[in-house]
């Protein structure tokens, strides 16, 4: 990386570890984005990591529940999850698979494990919708692991491109998202390096879910992130990450912030309290 790019590197400004909580039918998970020490990273509202080999932890799944005003993204690392909603959409995603669901003006859906044993592991991300798009019709994009493009960079780096486009020009599987986010799953061998240009106006963060990583800032110093830590990135136009002494995997998220008010109550995310009250009324009246 040349000195001009080095001076534009994004440094880590905040490190957080999330908090343990439960959702759905008592499913244990770690809430990363939207935890007390990290908060919202506009337009990313929430990031949860779930994972267990004990079917008693996940068998209850996430039964029917409503959403309005944002998008949910489920990315599986292991196991199989069935999605079903009251608008006629149903599908199963397995290891490496992604479902990107636009709740829009409202729907009721469930996410239930399609297995009775073995590992179930993955992430759920909530991406806000701009005010002008919150009442769009519900929509879906669903891809198997084999359908997610991969960019190999030498022998030590592989980038699974869920959304957005790499600096090398490889577009992700998901397209047409109003916030135009970047969502990469980066795999590094021990000591491997990842470099990527980023939109200078975008909010950005990375979450290490295997191994450890050093993120080099504009001053040349590296901030170390361990497994289970999220690093929020400051201003700049590029990122440089180096894996530690073992194979490392991390999620990289980036998108321009909406800079709009957020009115949030459970499964509804709108811009005003009046809109929230209307969402609750519409749900209770069967208009989803």
Protein backbone atom coordinates (compact mmCIF):
# COMPACT_ATOMS: atom_id res chain seq x y z
CA UNK A 1 0.00 0.00 0.00
CA UNK A 2 1.54 3.32 -1.05
CA UNK A 3 2.02 6.28 1.28
CA UNK A 4 -0.93 8.21 -0.21
CA UNK A 5 -3.26 5.35 0.55
CA UNK A 6 -1.62 4.79 3.94
CA UNK A 7 -2.50 8.34 4.98
CA UNK A 8 -6.16 7.64 4.18
CA UNK A 9 -6.43 4.46 6.24
CA UNK A 10 -9.36 4.21 8.61
CA UNK A 11 -8.37 3.76 12.23
CA UNK A 12 -10.40 1.90 14.85
CA UNK A 13 -12.24 4.43 17.02
CA UNK A 14 -14.36 2.09 19.18
CA UNK A 15 -13.96 -1.55 20.20
CA UNK A 16 -16.90 -3.49 21.61
CA UNK A 17 -17.68 -7.09 22.50
CA UNK A 18 -21.49 -7.06 22.44
CA UNK A 19 -23.63 -8.63 25.14
CA UNK A 20 -25.30 -11.96 25.72
CA UNK A 21 -29.08 -11.95 25.34
CA UNK A 22 -32.00 -14.06 24.14
CA UNK A 23 -34.47 -13.67 21.30
CA UNK A 24 -37.19 -15.65 19.59
CA UNK A 25 -38.18 -18.72 21.64
CA UNK A 26 -35.32 -18.18 24.11
CA UNK A 27 -32.47 -18.50 21.61
CA UNK A 28 -29.13 -17.45 23.15
CA UNK A 29 -27.15 -15.00 21.05
CA UNK A 30 -24.67 -12.14 21.22
CA UNK A 31 -25.94 -8.67 20.31
CA UNK A 32 -23.07 -6.75 18.76
CA UNK A 33 -24.39 -3.68 16.96
CA UNK A 34 -27.04 -2.08 19.20
CA UNK A 35 -25.32 -3.31 22.36
CA UNK A 36 -24.70 -0.70 25.09
CA UNK A 37 -21.00 -0.26 24.28
CA UNK A 38 -21.44 -0.04 20.50
CA UNK A 39 -24.92 1.32 19.75
CA UNK A 40 -26.26 1.86 16.23
CA UNK A 41 -23.85 2.33 13.33
CA UNK A 42 -26.17 4.16 10.93
CA UNK A 43 -27.73 2.63 8.79
CA UNK A 44 -26.91 -0.67 10.56
CA UNK A 45 -29.36 -1.05 13.42
CA UNK A 46 -28.40 -4.43 14.84
CA UNK A 47 -26.00 -7.32 14.38
CA UNK A 48 -26.55 -10.59 16.24
CA UNK A 49 -24.33 -13.68 16.25
CA UNK A 50 -25.97 -16.98 17.14
CA UNK A 51 -24.33 -20.39 17.39
CA UNK A 52 -24.69 -23.65 19.28
CA UNK A 53 -24.30 -27.38 18.77
CA UNK A 54 -26.94 -28.04 21.43
CA UNK A 55 -30.37 -28.42 19.78
CA UNK A 56 -31.92 -27.43 23.11
CA UNK A 57 -30.51 -23.95 22.51
CA UNK A 58 -32.01 -23.45 19.07
CA UNK A 59 -34.86 -25.90 18.55
CA UNK A 60 -37.54 -23.29 19.40
CA UNK A 61 -36.30 -20.98 16.65
CA UNK A 62 -37.91 -17.65 15.91
CA UNK A 63 -41.67 -18.25 15.55
CA UNK A 64 -44.07 -15.87 13.78
CA UNK A 65 -43.26 -12.23 14.45
CA UNK A 66 -43.85 -8.93 12.58
CA UNK A 67 -41.49 -6.37 11.07
CA UNK A 68 -41.89 -2.95 9.48
CA UNK A 69 -39.57 -0.22 8.25
CA UNK A 70 -36.21 -1.95 7.67
CA UNK A 71 -34.43 -4.98 6.18
CA UNK A 72 -33.28 -8.17 7.89
CA UNK A 73 -30.31 -10.16 6.61
CA UNK A 74 -29.66 -13.75 7.71
CA UNK A 75 -26.24 -15.20 6.87
CA UNK A 76 -25.62 -18.82 7.79
CA UNK A 77 -22.24 -20.31 8.65
CA UNK A 78 -23.51 -23.76 9.68
CA UNK A 79 -26.85 -25.53 9.75
CA UNK A 80 -30.12 -24.83 7.96
CA UNK A 81 -32.88 -22.30 8.64
CA UNK A 82 -36.36 -22.18 7.07
CA UNK A 83 -37.95 -18.80 6.42
CA UNK A 84 -41.69 -18.45 5.90
CA UNK A 85 -44.00 -15.43 5.85
CA UNK A 86 -47.61 -14.42 5.37
CA UNK A 87 -46.95 -13.06 1.86
CA UNK A 88 -46.29 -16.49 0.38
CA UNK A 89 -42.50 -16.60 0.49
CA UNK A 90 -40.74 -19.65 1.89
CA UNK A 91 -37.21 -20.99 1.60
CA UNK A 92 -34.34 -22.74 3.35
CA UNK A 93 -30.80 -21.41 3.57
CA UNK A 94 -27.83 -23.58 4.53
CA UNK A 95 -24.11 -23.00 5.16
CA UNK A 96 -22.93 -19.86 3.38
CA UNK A 97 -26.49 -18.96 2.33
CA UNK A 98 -28.07 -15.53 2.65
CA UNK A 99 -31.62 -14.24 2.84
CA UNK A 100 -32.05 -10.48 2.47
CA UNK A 101 -35.61 -9.56 3.42
CA UNK A 102 -37.18 -6.14 3.00
CA UNK A 103 -39.93 -5.87 5.59
CA UNK A 104 -41.05 -2.55 4.15
CA UNK A 105 -44.66 -1.72 5.04
CA UNK A 106 -45.04 -4.89 7.05
CA UNK A 107 -45.13 -8.68 7.18
CA UNK A 108 -45.21 -11.56 9.62
CA UNK A 109 -42.53 -14.22 9.26
CA UNK A 110 -40.79 -17.04 11.07
CA UNK A 111 -37.23 -18.39 11.04
CA UNK A 112 -37.09 -21.98 12.21
CA UNK A 113 -34.18 -24.46 12.35
CA UNK A 114 -34.43 -27.17 9.71
CA UNK A 115 -32.50 -29.68 11.81
CA UNK A 116 -32.59 -31.57 15.11
CA UNK A 117 -28.86 -31.95 15.72
CA UNK A 118 -25.49 -30.46 14.86
CA UNK A 119 -24.28 -26.89 14.69
CA UNK A 120 -26.54 -23.97 13.90
CA UNK A 121 -24.50 -20.81 13.50
CA UNK A 122 -24.84 -17.49 11.73
CA UNK A 123 -25.64 -13.81 11.89
CA UNK A 124 -28.62 -11.54 11.59
CA UNK A 125 -28.13 -7.95 10.48
CA UNK A 126 -30.80 -5.23 10.50
CA UNK A 127 -30.37 -2.50 7.89
CA UNK A 128 -32.51 0.61 8.17
CA UNK A 129 -34.58 1.92 5.26
CA UNK A 130 -34.74 5.60 4.36
CA UNK A 131 -38.00 7.35 5.26
CA UNK A 132 -39.09 7.42 1.63
CA UNK A 133 -38.77 3.61 1.33
CA UNK A 134 -40.11 2.38 4.67
CA UNK A 135 -43.54 1.61 3.25
CA UNK A 136 -42.28 -0.28 0.18
CA UNK A 137 -43.81 -3.66 -0.53
CA UNK A 138 -42.02 -6.59 1.19
CA UNK A 139 -39.31 -8.13 -0.95
CA UNK A 140 -36.73 -10.93 -0.79
CA UNK A 141 -33.42 -12.01 -2.18
CA UNK A 142 -32.17 -15.48 -1.29
CA UNK A 143 -28.92 -17.15 -2.31
CA UNK A 144 -27.19 -20.45 -1.55
CA UNK A 145 -23.59 -20.48 -0.39
CA UNK A 146 -22.49 -21.53 -3.89
CA UNK A 147 -24.20 -18.46 -5.35
CA UNK A 148 -22.23 -15.97 -3.25
CA UNK A 149 -19.33 -14.64 -5.39
CA UNK A 150 -15.81 -15.12 -4.03
CA UNK A 151 -12.73 -13.09 -4.85
CA UNK A 152 -9.40 -14.77 -4.21
CA UNK A 153 -6.48 -12.46 -3.57
CA UNK A 154 -3.29 -14.46 -3.73
CA UNK A 155 -3.06 -17.53 -1.53
CA UNK A 156 -3.92 -15.94 1.81
CA UNK A 157 -7.14 -13.96 1.30
CA UNK A 158 -10.64 -14.83 0.11
CA UNK A 159 -13.55 -12.38 0.11
CA UNK A 160 -17.13 -13.63 0.01
CA UNK A 161 -19.07 -10.75 -1.51
CA UNK A 162 -22.62 -10.72 -0.13
CA UNK A 163 -23.39 -7.12 -1.12
CA UNK A 164 -21.46 -4.23 -2.61
CA UNK A 165 -18.55 -4.38 -5.04
CA UNK A 166 -14.90 -5.09 -4.31
CA UNK A 167 -12.09 -2.78 -5.36
CA UNK A 168 -11.34 -5.43 -7.97
CA UNK A 169 -14.78 -4.95 -9.50
CA UNK A 170 -16.56 -8.11 -8.28
CA UNK A 171 -20.22 -7.35 -7.43
CA UNK A 172 -22.00 -9.17 -4.63
CA UNK A 173 -24.98 -11.49 -4.91
CA UNK A 174 -27.42 -9.00 -3.35
CA UNK A 175 -28.39 -5.91 -5.34
CA UNK A 176 -31.01 -3.17 -5.36
CA UNK A 177 -30.74 -2.33 -1.65
CA UNK A 178 -31.73 1.31 -0.98
CA UNK A 179 -28.75 1.98 1.30
CA UNK A 180 -26.27 0.38 -1.18
CA UNK A 181 -24.33 -1.38 1.61
CA UNK A 182 -21.11 -3.33 1.44
CA UNK A 183 -21.21 -6.70 3.24
CA UNK A 184 -18.08 -8.87 2.93
CA UNK A 185 -17.06 -12.06 4.74
CA UNK A 186 -13.25 -12.02 4.64
CA UNK A 187 -11.14 -15.16 5.19
CA UNK A 188 -7.41 -14.77 5.90
CA UNK A 189 -4.75 -17.39 6.45
CA UNK A 190 -2.41 -16.81 9.38
CA UNK A 191 -0.48 -13.61 8.69
CA UNK A 192 -2.56 -12.85 5.60
CA UNK A 193 -3.45 -9.28 4.66
CA UNK A 194 -6.65 -7.68 3.37
CA UNK A 195 -6.79 -4.22 1.82
CA UNK A 196 -9.86 -2.48 0.42
CA UNK A 197 -10.88 1.02 -0.59
CA UNK A 198 -14.06 2.31 1.07
CA UNK A 199 -16.47 5.13 0.35
CA UNK A 200 -15.12 8.04 2.47
CA UNK A 201 -18.71 9.03 3.32
CA UNK A 202 -19.71 5.58 4.55
CA UNK A 203 -20.04 4.36 8.10
CA UNK A 204 -17.92 1.22 8.46
CA UNK A 205 -17.04 -1.51 10.96
CA UNK A 206 -15.67 -5.02 11.11
CA UNK A 207 -16.48 -7.94 13.38
CA UNK A 208 -13.96 -10.73 14.02
CA UNK A 209 -15.64 -14.10 14.49
CA UNK A 210 -12.60 -16.34 14.16
CA UNK A 211 -8.95 -15.75 15.02
CA UNK A 212 -7.63 -12.22 15.54
CA UNK A 213 -6.81 -9.25 13.37
CA UNK A 214 -4.72 -6.09 13.44
CA UNK A 215 -6.27 -3.01 11.80
CA UNK A 216 -3.62 -0.51 10.70
CA UNK A 217 -4.54 3.16 11.11
CA UNK A 218 -3.33 6.31 9.38
CA UNK A 219 -0.51 6.67 11.91
CA UNK A 220 0.81 3.21 11.04
CA UNK A 221 -0.17 1.72 14.40
CA UNK A 222 -2.33 -1.41 14.46
CA UNK A 223 -5.33 -1.96 16.75
CA UNK A 224 -5.78 -5.62 17.66
CA UNK A 225 -9.23 -7.19 17.52
CA UNK A 226 -9.84 -10.57 19.11
CA UNK A 227 -12.53 -13.08 18.27
CA UNK A 228 -15.89 -11.62 19.30
CA UNK A 229 -14.83 -7.98 19.04
CA UNK A 230 -16.24 -5.34 16.72
CA UNK A 231 -14.16 -2.38 15.64
CA UNK A 232 -15.89 0.80 14.50
CA UNK A 233 -13.86 2.60 11.86
CA UNK A 234 -13.16 6.31 11.77
CA UNK A 235 -12.89 8.54 8.68
CA UNK A 236 -10.75 7.61 5.71
CA UNK A 237 -10.86 5.95 2.33
CA UNK A 238 -9.28 2.53 2.85
CA UNK A 239 -8.84 -0.32 5.31
CA UNK A 240 -5.88 -2.60 5.96
CA UNK A 241 -6.26 -5.73 8.09
CA UNK A 242 -3.64 -8.35 8.94
CA UNK A 243 -4.49 -11.72 10.47
CA UNK A 244 -2.78 -12.90 13.63
CA UNK A 245 -1.07 -16.24 14.17
CA UNK A 246 -4.08 -18.30 13.07
CA UNK A 247 -6.68 -18.32 10.31
CA UNK A 248 -9.00 -15.36 10.74
CA UNK A 249 -12.50 -14.53 9.53
CA UNK A 250 -14.34 -11.24 9.87
CA UNK A 251 -17.38 -9.41 8.54
CA UNK A 252 -16.86 -5.99 6.96
CA UNK A 253 -19.88 -3.67 6.80
CA UNK A 254 -20.08 -0.23 5.23
CA UNK A 255 -22.81 2.12 3.97
CA UNK A 256 -23.56 5.82 3.87
CA UNK A 257 -25.53 6.90 6.96
CA UNK A 258 -29.14 7.98 6.50
CA UNK A 259 -28.86 10.74 9.12
CA UNK A 260 -32.58 10.44 9.82
CA UNK A 261 -34.40 10.18 13.17
CA UNK A 262 -34.92 6.62 14.42
CA UNK A 263 -38.11 5.68 16.28
CA UNK A 264 -37.70 2.04 17.33
CA UNK A 265 -40.06 -0.24 19.22
CA UNK A 266 -39.33 -3.98 19.13
CA UNK A 267 -39.80 -5.22 15.54
CA UNK A 268 -40.80 -1.81 14.14
CA UNK A 269 -38.32 0.89 13.08
CA UNK A 270 -39.78 4.15 11.82
CA UNK A 271 -38.91 7.86 11.96
CA UNK A 272 -41.52 9.21 14.38
CA UNK A 273 -43.52 8.03 17.38
CA UNK A 274 -46.74 8.58 15.42
CA UNK A 275 -45.47 6.20 12.74
CA UNK A 276 -44.65 3.65 15.42
CA UNK A 277 -48.14 3.89 16.87
CA UNK A 278 -49.56 3.41 13.37
CA UNK A 279 -47.36 0.33 12.84
CA UNK A 280 -48.59 -1.23 16.07
CA UNK A 281 -52.21 -0.43 15.17
CA UNK A 282 -51.83 -1.85 11.66
CA UNK A 283 -50.30 -5.06 13.02
CA UNK A 284 -52.98 -5.49 15.68
CA UNK A 285 -55.68 -4.85 13.07
CA UNK A 286 -54.34 -7.52 10.72
CA UNK A 287 -53.11 -5.15 8.03
CA UNK A 288 -49.68 -6.77 7.67
